[in-house]
C-alpha atoms as a PDB file:
ATOM      1  CA  MET A   1      76.427 178.808 -44.807  1.00  0.00           C
ATOM      2  CA  LYS A   2      74.489 177.842 -41.742  1.00  0.00           C
ATOM      3  CA  ILE A   3      73.461 180.240 -38.999  1.00  0.00           C
ATOM      4  CA  GLN A   4      76.042 178.784 -36.608  1.00  0.00           C
ATOM      5  CA  GLU A   5      78.817 179.317 -39.150  1.00  0.00           C
ATOM      6  CA  PHE A   6      77.678 182.916 -39.616  1.00  0.00           C
ATOM      7  CA  LYS A   7      77.843 183.481 -35.859  1.00  0.00           C
ATOM      8  CA  ASN A   8      81.350 182.024 -35.861  1.00  0.00           C
ATOM      9  CA  LEU A   9      82.332 184.538 -38.538  1.00  0.00           C
ATOM     10  CA  ARG A  10      81.296 187.381 -36.259  1.00  0.00           C
ATOM     11  CA  GLN A  11      83.647 186.063 -33.564  1.00  0.00           C
ATOM     12  CA  LYS A  12      86.685 186.025 -35.852  1.00  0.00           C
ATOM     13  CA  GLU A  13      89.164 188.861 -36.015  1.00  0.00           C
ATOM     14  CA  ASP A  14      89.509 191.108 -39.040  1.00  0.00           C
ATOM     15  CA  LYS A  15      92.714 189.432 -40.218  1.00  0.00           C
ATOM     16  CA  GLU A  16      91.072 186.019 -40.174  1.00  0.00           C
ATOM     17  CA  LEU A  17      88.098 187.372 -42.108  1.00  0.00           C
ATOM     18  CA  LEU A  18      90.381 188.910 -44.709  1.00  0.00           C
ATOM     19  CA  THR A  19      92.258 185.639 -45.213  1.00  0.00           C
ATOM     20  CA  SER A  20      89.025 183.695 -45.601  1.00  0.00           C
ATOM     21  CA  LEU A  21      87.815 186.387 -48.011  1.00  0.00           C
ATOM     22  CA  ALA A  22      90.916 185.942 -50.153  1.00  0.00           C
ATOM     23  CA  SER A  23      90.534 182.167 -50.192  1.00  0.00           C
ATOM     24  CA  LEU A  24      86.860 182.457 -51.179  1.00  0.00           C
ATOM     25  CA  LYS A  25      87.791 184.737 -54.069  1.00  0.00           C
ATOM     26  CA  LYS A  26      90.319 182.160 -55.270  1.00  0.00           C
ATOM     27  CA  GLU A  27      87.677 179.443 -55.026  1.00  0.00           C
ATOM     28  CA  ILE A  28      85.261 181.531 -57.101  1.00  0.00           C
ATOM     29  CA  THR A  29      87.902 181.990 -59.779  1.00  0.00           C
ATOM     30  CA  LYS A  30      88.601 178.272 -59.805  1.00  0.00           C
ATOM     31  CA  LEU A  31      84.885 177.432 -59.923  1.00  0.00           C
ATOM     32  CA  GLY A  32      84.352 179.843 -62.789  1.00  0.00           C
ATOM     33  CA  LEU A  33      87.052 178.151 -64.828  1.00  0.00           C
ATOM     34  CA  GLU A  34      85.695 174.708 -64.020  1.00  0.00           C
ATOM     35  CA  MET A  35      82.191 175.816 -64.983  1.00  0.00           C
ATOM     36  CA  ALA A  36      83.503 177.055 -68.313  1.00  0.00           C
ATOM     37  CA  MET A  37      85.026 173.620 -68.896  1.00  0.00           C
ATOM     38  CA  LYS A  38      81.773 172.002 -67.680  1.00  0.00           C
ATOM     39  CA  LYS A  39      83.469 170.052 -64.899  1.00  0.00           C
ATOM     40  CA  VAL A  40      81.270 171.367 -62.074  1.00  0.00           C
ATOM     41  CA  LYS A  41      78.151 169.380 -61.255  1.00  0.00           C
ATOM     42  CA  ASN A  42      76.902 171.613 -58.428  1.00  0.00           C
ATOM     43  CA  VAL A  43      76.365 174.942 -60.205  1.00  0.00           C
ATOM     44  CA  SER A  44      74.798 176.588 -57.153  1.00  0.00           C
ATOM     45  CA  LEU A  45      78.142 176.382 -55.355  1.00  0.00           C
ATOM     46  CA  LEU A  46      79.286 179.543 -57.118  1.00  0.00           C
ATOM     47  CA  GLY A  47      76.314 181.506 -55.788  1.00  0.00           C
ATOM     48  CA  GLN A  48      76.885 180.187 -52.280  1.00  0.00           C
ATOM     49  CA  LYS A  49      80.505 181.331 -52.343  1.00  0.00           C
ATOM     50  CA  LYS A  50      79.463 184.785 -53.534  1.00  0.00           C
ATOM     51  CA  LYS A  51      76.964 185.045 -50.683  1.00  0.00           C
ATOM     52  CA  ASP A  52      79.668 184.015 -48.204  1.00  0.00           C
ATOM     53  CA  ILE A  53      81.874 186.809 -49.536  1.00  0.00           C
ATOM     54  CA  ALA A  54      79.014 189.265 -49.118  1.00  0.00           C
ATOM     55  CA  ARG A  55      78.508 188.133 -45.520  1.00  0.00           C
ATOM     56  CA  ILE A  56      82.176 188.639 -44.708  1.00  0.00           C
ATOM     57  CA  LEU A  57      82.232 192.068 -46.334  1.00  0.00           C
ATOM     58  CA  THR A  58      79.106 193.029 -44.401  1.00  0.00           C
ATOM     59  CA  ILE A  59      80.715 192.078 -41.103  1.00  0.00           C
ATOM     60  CA  LEU A  60      83.865 194.040 -41.953  1.00  0.00           C
ATOM     61  CA  ARG A  61      81.858 197.132 -42.931  1.00  0.00           C
ATOM     62  CA  GLU A  62      79.761 196.937 -39.769  1.00  0.00           C
ATOM     63  CA  ARG A  63      82.894 196.856 -37.654  1.00  0.00           C
ATOM     64  CA  LYS A  64      84.375 199.746 -39.593  1.00  0.00           C
ATOM     65  CA  THR A  65      81.332 201.949 -39.030  1.00  0.00           C
ATOM     66  CA  ILE A  66      81.097 201.050 -35.360  1.00  0.00           C
ATOM     67  CA  ASN A  67      84.790 201.606 -34.653  1.00  0.00           C
ATOM     68  CA  GLY A  68      85.023 204.710 -36.793  1.00  0.00           C
END
């Protein structure tokens, strides 16, 4: 994820972040299955998706602590 995309995440609402979080989790599941079947050529994609999830969760936690 590029810096600009990360800044765009901060501008999204919580509902949008939660929907993108759910879709990323589905993608990770799908990638895991494809990796087990050795269909994935870009293995680092799984790590990138996990980092994206961590970024989204970080933003949500920051908002939760700020807003109470």
